Amino acid sequence: MSAKQEDLILEPGKAIEYIEGEILTVRFSKWGIYGNLKIKNQVYNYSLKDLGFSKNIIVGLDLIIENGFCIRNKKEEIVITDGKFGKANIKLKLKRYYNVNEKQKRTLTGIVKLIDNKNYDTILEIEQFIFPYHTERCIVLSQDKERLKKKTDGSVGKIVRILGQLKETDLIVESFDILPENHFWHKFVEIRDYHPDRIDSFSQIITQQMELVDNLYESFRKITFNFWKDVSKSSLITLKELLYSKIFSGELKPPYNVLISDNEIKNYFNTMIDFCENSDFIKNNFEEPEDFILYLKNFYPDYRIKF
């Protein structure tokens, strides 16, 4: 969560510099987009004026509002809005779905493939969405068999989010939630398995990733290409294309590329910059920038997703 909203108090009539939260519901009307937003375990109403943004607003993503406003509706409920001068954006926060904290609490998300009630514990097999091109399964056990059995009955084939405590190789379930049909992960599976042409539903996420790579490219170019006096425009274009391919053309084919977080992209570039700042290595081994680009292409590893 951003430090800007740690101590934020929502008051009707008060401006909101920055706020973000998980989108719980999405509805549309001729006046705009509205629904519910979860912020610090509290649920609030939100309202957005731009219907052109409707394709990008998906349950399960985070809604970010900058320079927004706080009002009260006819039911005397607080409503967060972008108002007249605010800016709305969306973001995928993967830690909401895959995470392990310092207390060994684990969150995972995936499709229920198997429920086994034969033993003393209920055992679930979950096919996760991370690490594409092969199936990762997680065995989940519960200390409260009856409660979990009631919640999990009929959940085979459903997409679920699970929170639990890691214990050796097992996960002791503490919460089990079936995600609604209009959730991000259902959209992800629809695009992955049936309609790859509908990747434009994630266009806002992809655009943000590309803008971040563009910004990091500028820093990378200044650090690496100051070793040569003359650098052609075609070399710079080739470098930018290479950086794009390093991030988006490796193991993560669409729609998996939308799972790459901003921090992962930044960390990847920082590692590459550390490598390239060894000026003696560059000067002594590459007479021309094209040679250096070719080396990066063939020998510097592509981005690999980490969890």
C-alpha atoms as a PDB file:
ATOM      1  CA  MET A   1       0.000   0.000   0.000  1.00  0.00           C
ATOM      2  CA  SER A   2       1.242   3.451  -0.831  1.00  0.00           C
ATOM      3  CA  ALA A   3       2.572   5.552   2.043  1.00  0.00           C
ATOM      4  CA  LYS A   4       0.333   8.346   0.735  1.00  0.00           C
ATOM      5  CA  GLN A   5      -2.788   6.581   2.030  1.00  0.00           C
ATOM      6  CA  GLU A   6      -1.535   4.982   5.239  1.00  0.00           C
ATOM      7  CA  ASP A   7      -3.125   7.681   7.409  1.00  0.00           C
ATOM      8  CA  LEU A   8      -5.823   8.756   4.953  1.00  0.00           C
ATOM      9  CA  ILE A   9      -9.154   9.714   6.500  1.00  0.00           C
ATOM     10  CA  LEU A  10     -12.081   9.747   4.071  1.00  0.00           C
ATOM     11  CA  GLU A  11     -14.352  12.706   4.688  1.00  0.00           C
ATOM     12  CA  PRO A  12     -17.145  13.946   2.389  1.00  0.00           C
ATOM     13  CA  GLY A  13     -16.097  17.155   0.675  1.00  0.00           C
ATOM     14  CA  LYS A  14     -12.410  16.390   1.149  1.00  0.00           C
ATOM     15  CA  ALA A  15      -9.901  15.975  -1.687  1.00  0.00           C
ATOM     16  CA  ILE A  16      -8.009  12.696  -2.051  1.00  0.00           C
ATOM     17  CA  GLU A  17      -4.404  12.985  -3.172  1.00  0.00           C
ATOM     18  CA  TYR A  18      -3.963   9.244  -3.760  1.00  0.00           C
ATOM     19  CA  ILE A  19      -5.902   6.104  -2.969  1.00  0.00           C
ATOM     20  CA  GLU A  20      -5.875   2.502  -4.162  1.00  0.00           C
ATOM     21  CA  GLY A  21      -7.862  -0.607  -3.376  1.00  0.00           C
ATOM     22  CA  GLU A  22      -9.128  -3.948  -4.672  1.00  0.00           C
ATOM     23  CA  ILE A  23     -12.106  -3.750  -7.047  1.00  0.00           C
ATOM     24  CA  LEU A  24     -14.884  -5.923  -5.604  1.00  0.00           C
ATOM     25  CA  THR A  25     -17.744  -5.061  -7.965  1.00  0.00           C
ATOM     26  CA  VAL A  26     -18.197  -3.207 -11.258  1.00  0.00           C
ATOM     27  CA  ARG A  27     -21.443  -1.718 -12.585  1.00  0.00           C
ATOM     28  CA  PHE A  28     -22.187   0.671 -15.441  1.00  0.00           C
ATOM     29  CA  SER A  29     -24.734   3.384 -16.084  1.00  0.00           C
ATOM     30  CA  LYS A  30     -25.080   6.257 -18.534  1.00  0.00           C
ATOM     31  CA  TRP A  31     -23.403   8.460 -15.923  1.00  0.00           C
ATOM     32  CA  GLY A  32     -20.275   6.356 -15.514  1.00  0.00           C
ATOM     33  CA  ILE A  33     -18.775   3.380 -13.712  1.00  0.00           C
ATOM     34  CA  TYR A  34     -19.419   2.536 -10.079  1.00  0.00           C
ATOM     35  CA  GLY A  35     -19.067  -0.275  -7.572  1.00  0.00           C
ATOM     36  CA  ASN A  36     -17.300  -1.306  -4.365  1.00  0.00           C
ATOM     37  CA  LEU A  37     -13.653  -1.007  -3.423  1.00  0.00           C
ATOM     38  CA  LYS A  38     -11.785  -2.729  -0.580  1.00  0.00           C
ATOM     39  CA  ILE A  39      -9.250  -0.499   1.166  1.00  0.00           C
ATOM     40  CA  LYS A  40      -7.450  -1.638   4.323  1.00  0.00           C
ATOM     41  CA  ASN A  41     -10.157  -4.272   5.012  1.00  0.00           C
ATOM     42  CA  GLN A  42     -12.921  -1.675   4.688  1.00  0.00           C
ATOM     43  CA  VAL A  43     -15.400  -1.596   1.788  1.00  0.00           C
ATOM     44  CA  TYR A  44     -16.239   1.751   0.143  1.00  0.00           C
ATOM     45  CA  ASN A  45     -18.207   2.906  -2.883  1.00  0.00           C
ATOM     46  CA  TYR A  46     -16.414   4.324  -5.911  1.00  0.00           C
ATOM     47  CA  SER A  47     -17.639   6.252  -8.934  1.00  0.00           C
ATOM     48  CA  LEU A  48     -15.774   7.058 -12.173  1.00  0.00           C
ATOM     49  CA  LYS A  49     -16.960   9.467 -14.847  1.00  0.00           C
ATOM     50  CA  ASP A  50     -15.166   8.037 -17.918  1.00  0.00           C
ATOM     51  CA  LEU A  51     -17.144   5.212 -19.559  1.00  0.00           C
ATOM     52  CA  GLY A  52     -14.280   4.786 -22.031  1.00  0.00           C
ATOM     53  CA  PHE A  53     -12.397   3.225 -19.129  1.00  0.00           C
ATOM     54  CA  SER A  54     -15.001   0.460 -18.766  1.00  0.00           C
ATOM     55  CA  LYS A  55     -13.049  -2.236 -20.654  1.00  0.00           C
ATOM     56  CA  ASN A  56     -10.158  -1.932 -18.215  1.00  0.00           C
ATOM     57  CA  ILE A  57     -12.124  -2.017 -14.954  1.00  0.00           C
ATOM     58  CA  ILE A  58     -12.154  -5.682 -13.912  1.00  0.00           C
ATOM     59  CA  VAL A  59     -13.006  -7.225 -10.535  1.00  0.00           C
ATOM     60  CA  GLY A  60      -9.825  -8.309  -8.751  1.00  0.00           C
ATOM     61  CA  LEU A  61      -7.608  -5.563 -10.141  1.00  0.00           C
ATOM     62  CA  ASP A  62      -6.680  -2.520  -8.054  1.00  0.00           C
ATOM     63  CA  LEU A  63      -8.235   0.842  -8.767  1.00  0.00           C
ATOM     64  CA  ILE A  64      -5.961   3.842  -8.267  1.00  0.00           C
ATOM     65  CA  ILE A  65      -7.345   7.370  -8.010  1.00  0.00           C
ATOM     66  CA  GLU A  66      -5.131  10.455  -7.901  1.00  0.00           C
ATOM     67  CA  ASN A  67      -6.392  13.968  -7.131  1.00  0.00           C
ATOM     68  CA  GLY A  68      -9.836  12.571  -6.501  1.00  0.00           C
ATOM     69  CA  PHE A  69     -12.638  13.574  -4.210  1.00  0.00           C
ATOM     70  CA  CYS A  70     -14.810  12.140  -1.461  1.00  0.00           C
ATOM     71  CA  ILE A  71     -18.587  12.683  -1.448  1.00  0.00           C
ATOM     72  CA  ARG A  72     -21.656  11.251   0.276  1.00  0.00           C
ATOM     73  CA  ASN A  73     -24.459   9.610  -1.732  1.00  0.00           C
ATOM     74  CA  LYS A  74     -28.223   9.645  -1.102  1.00  0.00           C
ATOM     75  CA  LYS A  75     -27.861   6.689   1.264  1.00  0.00           C
ATOM     76  CA  GLU A  76     -25.370   8.714   3.330  1.00  0.00           C
ATOM     77  CA  GLU A  77     -22.554   6.384   2.230  1.00  0.00           C
ATOM     78  CA  ILE A  78     -19.034   7.592   1.444  1.00  0.00           C
ATOM     79  CA  VAL A  79     -18.182   7.542  -2.271  1.00  0.00           C
ATOM     80  CA  ILE A  80     -14.657   7.843  -3.667  1.00  0.00           C
ATOM     81  CA  THR A  81     -14.600   9.507  -7.078  1.00  0.00           C
ATOM     82  CA  ASP A  82     -12.138  10.874  -9.598  1.00  0.00           C
ATOM     83  CA  GLY A  83     -14.273  14.014  -9.707  1.00  0.00           C
ATOM     84  CA  LYS A  84     -13.711  16.723 -12.287  1.00  0.00           C
ATOM     85  CA  PHE A  85      -9.916  16.887 -12.213  1.00  0.00           C
ATOM     86  CA  GLY A  86      -8.860  13.487 -10.895  1.00  0.00           C
ATOM     87  CA  LYS A  87      -7.162  10.616 -12.679  1.00  0.00           C
ATOM     88  CA  ALA A  88      -8.118   6.947 -12.475  1.00  0.00           C
ATOM     89  CA  ASN A  89      -5.914   3.993 -13.308  1.00  0.00           C
ATOM     90  CA  ILE A  90      -5.795   0.243 -12.712  1.00  0.00           C
ATOM     91  CA  LYS A  91      -3.084  -2.148 -11.631  1.00  0.00           C
ATOM     92  CA  LEU A  92      -2.661  -5.876 -11.089  1.00  0.00           C
ATOM     93  CA  LYS A  93      -1.252  -6.493  -7.601  1.00  0.00           C
ATOM     94  CA  LEU A  94      -0.084 -10.075  -7.882  1.00  0.00           C
ATOM     95  CA  LYS A  95       0.693 -10.269  -4.162  1.00  0.00           C
ATOM     96  CA  ARG A  96      -3.042 -10.389  -3.552  1.00  0.00           C
ATOM     97  CA  TYR A  97      -2.997 -13.826  -5.182  1.00  0.00           C
ATOM     98  CA  TYR A  98       0.518 -15.217  -4.708  1.00  0.00           C
ATOM     99  CA  ASN A  99       2.511 -14.312  -1.666  1.00  0.00           C
ATOM    100  CA  VAL A 100       4.498 -15.692   1.278  1.00  0.00           C
ATOM    101  CA  ASN A 101       5.181 -13.325   4.178  1.00  0.00           C
ATOM    102  CA  GLU A 102       7.739 -13.425   6.972  1.00  0.00           C
ATOM    103  CA  LYS A 103       5.362 -15.432   9.176  1.00  0.00           C
ATOM    104  CA  GLN A 104       5.078 -18.136   6.488  1.00  0.00           C
ATOM    105  CA  LYS A 105       1.519 -17.157   5.679  1.00  0.00           C
ATOM    106  CA  ARG A 106       0.902 -18.074   2.064  1.00  0.00           C
ATOM    107  CA  THR A 107      -1.652 -16.866  -0.465  1.00  0.00           C
ATOM    108  CA  LEU A 108      -2.218 -18.832  -3.654  1.00  0.00           C
ATOM    109  CA  THR A 109      -4.780 -18.753  -6.451  1.00  0.00           C
ATOM    110  CA  GLY A 110      -5.753 -21.349  -9.014  1.00  0.00           C
ATOM    111  CA  ILE A 111      -8.246 -23.883 -10.324  1.00  0.00           C
ATOM    112  CA  VAL A 112      -9.423 -26.676  -8.044  1.00  0.00           C
ATOM    113  CA  LYS A 113      -8.527 -29.912  -9.840  1.00  0.00           C
ATOM    114  CA  LEU A 114      -9.158 -32.491  -7.114  1.00  0.00           C
ATOM    115  CA  ILE A 115     -10.786 -32.833  -3.702  1.00  0.00           C
ATOM    116  CA  ASP A 116      -9.837 -35.898  -1.655  1.00  0.00           C
ATOM    117  CA  ASN A 117     -11.849 -36.615   1.502  1.00  0.00           C
ATOM    118  CA  LYS A 118     -10.618 -40.165   1.996  1.00  0.00           C
ATOM    119  CA  ASN A 119      -8.162 -39.410   4.785  1.00  0.00           C
ATOM    120  CA  TYR A 120      -8.475 -37.551   8.053  1.00  0.00           C
ATOM    121  CA  ASP A 121      -7.780 -34.313   6.219  1.00  0.00           C
ATOM    122  CA  THR A 122      -9.447 -32.811   3.184  1.00  0.00           C
ATOM    123  CA  ILE A 123      -6.814 -32.530   0.486  1.00  0.00           C
ATOM    124  CA  LEU A 124      -7.127 -30.134  -2.439  1.00  0.00           C
ATOM    125  CA  GLU A 125      -5.040 -30.017  -5.560  1.00  0.00           C
ATOM    126  CA  ILE A 126      -4.789 -26.506  -7.002  1.00  0.00           C
ATOM    127  CA  GLU A 127      -3.525 -25.803 -10.483  1.00  0.00           C
ATOM    128  CA  GLN A 128      -1.826 -22.434 -10.171  1.00  0.00           C
ATOM    129  CA  PHE A 129      -1.572 -19.822 -12.912  1.00  0.00           C
ATOM    130  CA  ILE A 130       2.068 -18.927 -12.321  1.00  0.00           C
ATOM    131  CA  PHE A 131       5.013 -20.603 -14.016  1.00  0.00           C
ATOM    132  CA  PRO A 132       3.433 -21.154 -17.462  1.00  0.00           C
ATOM    133  CA  TYR A 133       3.934 -24.108 -19.787  1.00  0.00           C
ATOM    134  CA  HIS A 134       3.797 -26.710 -17.065  1.00  0.00           C
ATOM    135  CA  THR A 135       1.352 -27.536 -14.315  1.00  0.00           C
ATOM    136  CA  GLU A 136       2.183 -26.582 -10.738  1.00  0.00           C
ATOM    137  CA  ARG A 137       0.058 -28.251  -8.128  1.00  0.00           C
ATOM    138  CA  CYS A 138      -0.188 -27.458  -4.448  1.00  0.00           C
ATOM    139  CA  ILE A 139      -1.510 -29.898  -1.840  1.00  0.00           C
ATOM    140  CA  VAL A 140      -3.644 -28.109   0.739  1.00  0.00           C
ATOM    141  CA  LEU A 141      -4.716 -29.678   4.027  1.00  0.00           C
ATOM    142  CA  SER A 142      -7.053 -28.420   6.706  1.00  0.00           C
ATOM    143  CA  GLN A 143      -7.214 -28.890  10.455  1.00  0.00           C
ATOM    144  CA  ASP A 144     -10.966 -28.243  10.286  1.00  0.00           C
ATOM    145  CA  LYS A 145     -12.160 -30.903   7.875  1.00  0.00           C
ATOM    146  CA  GLU A 146     -15.921 -30.379   8.212  1.00  0.00           C
ATOM    147  CA  ARG A 147     -15.824 -26.602   7.772  1.00  0.00           C
ATOM    148  CA  LEU A 148     -13.564 -26.837   4.749  1.00  0.00           C
ATOM    149  CA  LYS A 149     -15.532 -29.718   3.240  1.00  0.00           C
ATOM    150  CA  LYS A 150     -18.706 -27.624   3.345  1.00  0.00           C
ATOM    151  CA  LYS A 151     -16.970 -24.674   1.677  1.00  0.00           C
ATOM    152  CA  THR A 152     -15.205 -26.753  -0.949  1.00  0.00           C
ATOM    153  CA  ASP A 153     -18.096 -29.029  -1.983  1.00  0.00           C
ATOM    154  CA  GLY A 154     -18.739 -28.515  -5.686  1.00  0.00           C
ATOM    155  CA  SER A 155     -15.651 -26.352  -6.150  1.00  0.00           C
ATOM    156  CA  VAL A 156     -13.811 -28.625  -8.616  1.00  0.00           C
ATOM    157  CA  GLY A 157     -13.183 -26.533 -11.720  1.00  0.00           C
ATOM    158  CA  LYS A 158     -13.702 -23.288  -9.789  1.00  0.00           C
ATOM    159  CA  ILE A 159     -11.076 -20.576  -9.432  1.00  0.00           C
ATOM    160  CA  VAL A 160     -10.216 -20.028  -5.762  1.00  0.00           C
ATOM    161  CA  ARG A 161      -7.975 -17.891  -3.594  1.00  0.00           C
ATOM    162  CA  ILE A 162      -6.575 -19.596  -0.514  1.00  0.00           C
ATOM    163  CA  LEU A 163      -4.807 -18.184   2.522  1.00  0.00           C
ATOM    164  CA  GLY A 164      -3.020 -20.554   4.836  1.00  0.00           C
ATOM    165  CA  GLN A 165      -0.086 -21.331   7.082  1.00  0.00           C
ATOM    166  CA  LEU A 166       2.902 -23.153   5.617  1.00  0.00           C
ATOM    167  CA  LYS A 167       3.848 -26.234   7.597  1.00  0.00           C
ATOM    168  CA  GLU A 168       6.717 -28.232   6.140  1.00  0.00           C
ATOM    169  CA  THR A 169       5.481 -29.127   2.631  1.00  0.00           C
ATOM    170  CA  ASP A 170       1.790 -28.541   3.367  1.00  0.00           C
ATOM    171  CA  LEU A 171      -0.487 -25.528   3.567  1.00  0.00           C
ATOM    172  CA  ILE A 172      -2.959 -25.458   6.459  1.00  0.00           C
ATOM    173  CA  VAL A 173      -5.989 -23.624   5.100  1.00  0.00           C
ATOM    174  CA  GLU A 174      -7.317 -20.599   7.001  1.00  0.00           C
ATOM    175  CA  SER A 175      -9.575 -19.102   4.322  1.00  0.00           C
ATOM    176  CA  PHE A 176     -10.976 -20.391   1.035  1.00  0.00           C
ATOM    177  CA  ASP A 177     -12.766 -18.070  -1.374  1.00  0.00           C
ATOM    178  CA  ILE A 178     -14.323 -18.939  -4.735  1.00  0.00           C
ATOM    179  CA  LEU A 179     -13.708 -16.011  -7.084  1.00  0.00           C
ATOM    180  CA  PRO A 180     -16.727 -14.596  -8.975  1.00  0.00           C
ATOM    181  CA  GLU A 181     -17.252 -15.237 -12.685  1.00  0.00           C
ATOM    182  CA  ASN A 182     -16.378 -11.635 -13.600  1.00  0.00           C
ATOM    183  CA  HIS A 183     -13.041 -11.756 -11.774  1.00  0.00           C
ATOM    184  CA  PHE A 184      -9.688 -11.006 -13.424  1.00  0.00           C
ATOM    185  CA  TRP A 185      -8.557 -14.639 -13.269  1.00  0.00           C
ATOM    186  CA  HIS A 186     -11.636 -15.837 -15.162  1.00  0.00           C
ATOM    187  CA  LYS A 187     -10.852 -13.269 -17.836  1.00  0.00           C
ATOM    188  CA  PHE A 188      -7.237 -14.485 -17.827  1.00  0.00           C
ATOM    189  CA  VAL A 189      -8.303 -18.126 -18.409  1.00  0.00           C
ATOM    190  CA  GLU A 190     -10.780 -17.086 -21.111  1.00  0.00           C
ATOM    191  CA  ILE A 191      -8.016 -15.276 -23.026  1.00  0.00           C
ATOM    192  CA  ARG A 192      -5.412 -17.978 -22.388  1.00  0.00           C
ATOM    193  CA  ASP A 193      -7.537 -20.974 -23.404  1.00  0.00           C
ATOM    194  CA  TYR A 194     -10.217 -19.732 -25.777  1.00  0.00           C
ATOM    195  CA  HIS A 195      -9.928 -16.151 -27.021  1.00  0.00           C
ATOM    196  CA  PRO A 196      -6.319 -14.890 -27.283  1.00  0.00           C
ATOM    197  CA  ASP A 197      -7.638 -12.093 -29.522  1.00  0.00           C
ATOM    198  CA  ARG A 198      -9.314 -10.529 -26.472  1.00  0.00           C
ATOM    199  CA  ILE A 199      -5.989  -9.583 -24.896  1.00  0.00           C
ATOM    200  CA  ASP A 200      -7.046  -5.956 -25.393  1.00  0.00           C
ATOM    201  CA  SER A 201      -9.021  -6.386 -22.150  1.00  0.00           C
ATOM    202  CA  PHE A 202      -5.622  -6.048 -20.485  1.00  0.00           C
ATOM    203  CA  SER A 203      -4.469  -3.177 -22.694  1.00  0.00           C
ATOM    204  CA  GLN A 204      -4.179  -0.749 -19.785  1.00  0.00           C
ATOM    205  CA  ILE A 205      -1.872  -3.093 -17.863  1.00  0.00           C
ATOM    206  CA  ILE A 206       0.285  -3.745 -20.941  1.00  0.00           C
ATOM    207  CA  THR A 207       0.470  -0.030 -21.772  1.00  0.00           C
ATOM    208  CA  GLN A 208       1.704   0.742 -18.262  1.00  0.00           C
ATOM    209  CA  GLN A 209       4.361  -1.953 -18.549  1.00  0.00           C
ATOM    210  CA  MET A 210       5.536  -0.572 -21.891  1.00  0.00           C
ATOM    211  CA  GLU A 211       5.695   2.972 -20.507  1.00  0.00           C
ATOM    212  CA  LEU A 212       7.822   1.716 -17.636  1.00  0.00           C
ATOM    213  CA  VAL A 213      10.206  -0.040 -20.043  1.00  0.00           C
ATOM    214  CA  ASP A 214      10.418   3.181 -22.102  1.00  0.00           C
ATOM    215  CA  ASN A 215      11.431   5.132 -18.996  1.00  0.00           C
ATOM    216  CA  LEU A 216      13.978   2.535 -17.955  1.00  0.00           C
ATOM    217  CA  TYR A 217      15.347   2.398 -21.493  1.00  0.00           C
ATOM    218  CA  GLU A 218      16.317   6.077 -21.233  1.00  0.00           C
ATOM    219  CA  SER A 219      18.344   5.388 -18.103  1.00  0.00           C
ATOM    220  CA  PHE A 220      19.869   2.287 -19.641  1.00  0.00           C
ATOM    221  CA  ARG A 221      20.824   4.124 -22.825  1.00  0.00           C
ATOM    222  CA  LYS A 222      22.567   6.951 -20.947  1.00  0.00           C
ATOM    223  CA  ILE A 223      24.580   4.531 -18.832  1.00  0.00           C
ATOM    224  CA  THR A 224      25.626   2.064 -21.516  1.00  0.00           C
ATOM    225  CA  PHE A 225      25.947   4.088 -24.717  1.00  0.00           C
ATOM    226  CA  ASN A 226      28.122   6.869 -23.362  1.00  0.00           C
ATOM    227  CA  PHE A 227      31.151   4.675 -24.049  1.00  0.00           C
ATOM    228  CA  TRP A 228      30.938   5.321 -27.805  1.00  0.00           C
ATOM    229  CA  LYS A 229      31.166   8.682 -29.565  1.00  0.00           C
ATOM    230  CA  ASP A 230      28.856   7.873 -32.440  1.00  0.00           C
ATOM    231  CA  VAL A 231      25.713   5.862 -31.936  1.00  0.00           C
ATOM    232  CA  SER A 232      23.339   5.499 -34.853  1.00  0.00           C
ATOM    233  CA  LYS A 233      19.601   5.922 -34.560  1.00  0.00           C
ATOM    234  CA  SER A 234      19.129   2.362 -35.798  1.00  0.00           C
ATOM    235  CA  SER A 235      21.290   1.083 -32.917  1.00  0.00           C
ATOM    236  CA  LEU A 236      19.099   2.893 -30.401  1.00  0.00           C
ATOM    237  CA  ILE A 237      15.968   1.462 -31.980  1.00  0.00           C
ATOM    238  CA  THR A 238      17.528  -2.013 -31.891  1.00  0.00           C
ATOM    239  CA  LEU A 239      18.417  -1.539 -28.227  1.00  0.00           C
ATOM    240  CA  LYS A 240      14.863  -0.558 -27.292  1.00  0.00           C
ATOM    241  CA  GLU A 241      13.437  -3.513 -29.212  1.00  0.00           C
ATOM    242  CA  LEU A 242      15.903  -5.791 -27.446  1.00  0.00           C
ATOM    243  CA  LEU A 243      14.860  -4.537 -24.012  1.00  0.00           C
ATOM    244  CA  TYR A 244      11.197  -5.114 -24.887  1.00  0.00           C
ATOM    245  CA  SER A 245      11.957  -8.637 -26.042  1.00  0.00           C
ATOM    246  CA  LYS A 246      13.996  -9.399 -22.917  1.00  0.00           C
ATOM    247  CA  ILE A 247      10.946  -8.634 -20.777  1.00  0.00           C
ATOM    248  CA  PHE A 248       8.009  -9.715 -22.920  1.00  0.00           C
ATOM    249  CA  SER A 249       9.232 -12.316 -25.419  1.00  0.00           C
ATOM    250  CA  GLY A 250      10.856 -14.893 -23.189  1.00  0.00           C
ATOM    251  CA  GLU A 251       8.945 -17.557 -21.272  1.00  0.00           C
ATOM    252  CA  LEU A 252       5.935 -15.298 -20.680  1.00  0.00           C
ATOM    253  CA  LYS A 253       3.742 -15.403 -23.765  1.00  0.00           C
ATOM    254  CA  PRO A 254       0.441 -13.481 -23.679  1.00  0.00           C
ATOM    255  CA  PRO A 255      -1.521 -13.310 -21.477  1.00  0.00           C
ATOM    256  CA  TYR A 256       1.169 -14.362 -18.973  1.00  0.00           C
ATOM    257  CA  ASN A 257       3.102 -11.172 -19.705  1.00  0.00           C
ATOM    258  CA  VAL A 258       0.499  -9.128 -17.789  1.00  0.00           C
ATOM    259  CA  LEU A 259       1.598 -10.916 -14.600  1.00  0.00           C
ATOM    260  CA  ILE A 260       4.970  -9.130 -14.565  1.00  0.00           C
ATOM    261  CA  SER A 261       4.944  -6.527 -11.796  1.00  0.00           C
ATOM    262  CA  ASP A 262       6.511  -3.083 -11.967  1.00  0.00           C
ATOM    263  CA  ASN A 263       8.995  -4.052  -9.270  1.00  0.00           C
ATOM    264  CA  GLU A 264      10.068  -7.143 -11.196  1.00  0.00           C
ATOM    265  CA  ILE A 265      10.707  -5.060 -14.318  1.00  0.00           C
ATOM    266  CA  LYS A 266      12.697  -2.501 -12.301  1.00  0.00           C
ATOM    267  CA  ASN A 267      14.735  -5.191 -10.559  1.00  0.00           C
ATOM    268  CA  TYR A 268      15.536  -6.860 -13.871  1.00  0.00           C
ATOM    269  CA  PHE A 269      16.780  -3.580 -15.340  1.00  0.00           C
ATOM    270  CA  ASN A 270      18.771  -2.708 -12.230  1.00  0.00           C
ATOM    271  CA  THR A 271      20.584  -6.038 -12.474  1.00  0.00           C
ATOM    272  CA  MET A 272      21.292  -5.447 -16.145  1.00  0.00           C
ATOM    273  CA  ILE A 273      22.553  -1.926 -15.438  1.00  0.00           C
ATOM    274  CA  ASP A 274      24.875  -3.226 -12.711  1.00  0.00           C
ATOM    275  CA  PHE A 275      26.268  -5.631 -15.254  1.00  0.00           C
ATOM    276  CA  CYS A 276      26.725  -2.932 -17.879  1.00  0.00           C
ATOM    277  CA  GLU A 277      28.299  -0.369 -15.555  1.00  0.00           C
ATOM    278  CA  ASN A 278      31.481  -2.389 -15.680  1.00  0.00           C
ATOM    279  CA  SER A 279      32.872   0.080 -18.207  1.00  0.00           C
ATOM    280  CA  ASP A 280      36.214  -1.680 -18.563  1.00  0.00           C
ATOM    281  CA  PHE A 281      34.411  -4.800 -19.682  1.00  0.00           C
ATOM    282  CA  ILE A 282      32.442  -2.883 -22.310  1.00  0.00           C
ATOM    283  CA  LYS A 283      35.365  -0.819 -23.579  1.00  0.00           C
ATOM    284  CA  ASN A 284      37.740  -3.745 -23.810  1.00  0.00           C
ATOM    285  CA  ASN A 285      35.404  -6.159 -25.531  1.00  0.00           C
ATOM    286  CA  PHE A 286      33.113  -4.173 -27.826  1.00  0.00           C
ATOM    287  CA  GLU A 287      34.413  -1.697 -30.367  1.00  0.00           C
ATOM    288  CA  GLU A 288      30.958  -0.816 -31.641  1.00  0.00           C
ATOM    289  CA  PRO A 289      27.606  -0.500 -29.830  1.00  0.00           C
ATOM    290  CA  GLU A 290      26.116  -3.052 -32.230  1.00  0.00           C
ATOM    291  CA  ASP A 291      28.541  -5.646 -30.890  1.00  0.00           C
ATOM    292  CA  PHE A 292      27.431  -4.912 -27.351  1.00  0.00           C
ATOM    293  CA  ILE A 293      23.732  -5.215 -28.310  1.00  0.00           C
ATOM    294  CA  LEU A 294      24.441  -8.543 -29.968  1.00  0.00           C
ATOM    295  CA  TYR A 295      26.165  -9.753 -26.813  1.00  0.00           C
ATOM    296  CA  LEU A 296      23.204  -8.752 -24.647  1.00  0.00           C
ATOM    297  CA  LYS A 297      20.835 -10.464 -27.035  1.00  0.00           C
ATOM    298  CA  ASN A 298      22.675 -13.776 -27.037  1.00  0.00           C
ATOM    299  CA  PHE A 299      24.194 -14.021 -23.574  1.00  0.00           C
ATOM    300  CA  TYR A 300      22.237 -11.893 -21.111  1.00  0.00           C
ATOM    301  CA  PRO A 301      19.270 -13.951 -19.813  1.00  0.00           C
ATOM    302  CA  ASP A 302      15.677 -13.010 -20.559  1.00  0.00           C
ATOM    303  CA  TYR A 303      13.395 -12.090 -17.709  1.00  0.00           C
ATOM    304  CA  ARG A 304      12.024 -15.074 -15.802  1.00  0.00           C
ATOM    305  CA  ILE A 305       9.039 -14.693 -13.533  1.00  0.00           C
ATOM    306  CA  LYS A 306       9.756 -15.169  -9.817  1.00  0.00           C
ATOM    307  CA  PHE A 307       7.445 -16.052  -6.922  1.00  0.00           C
END
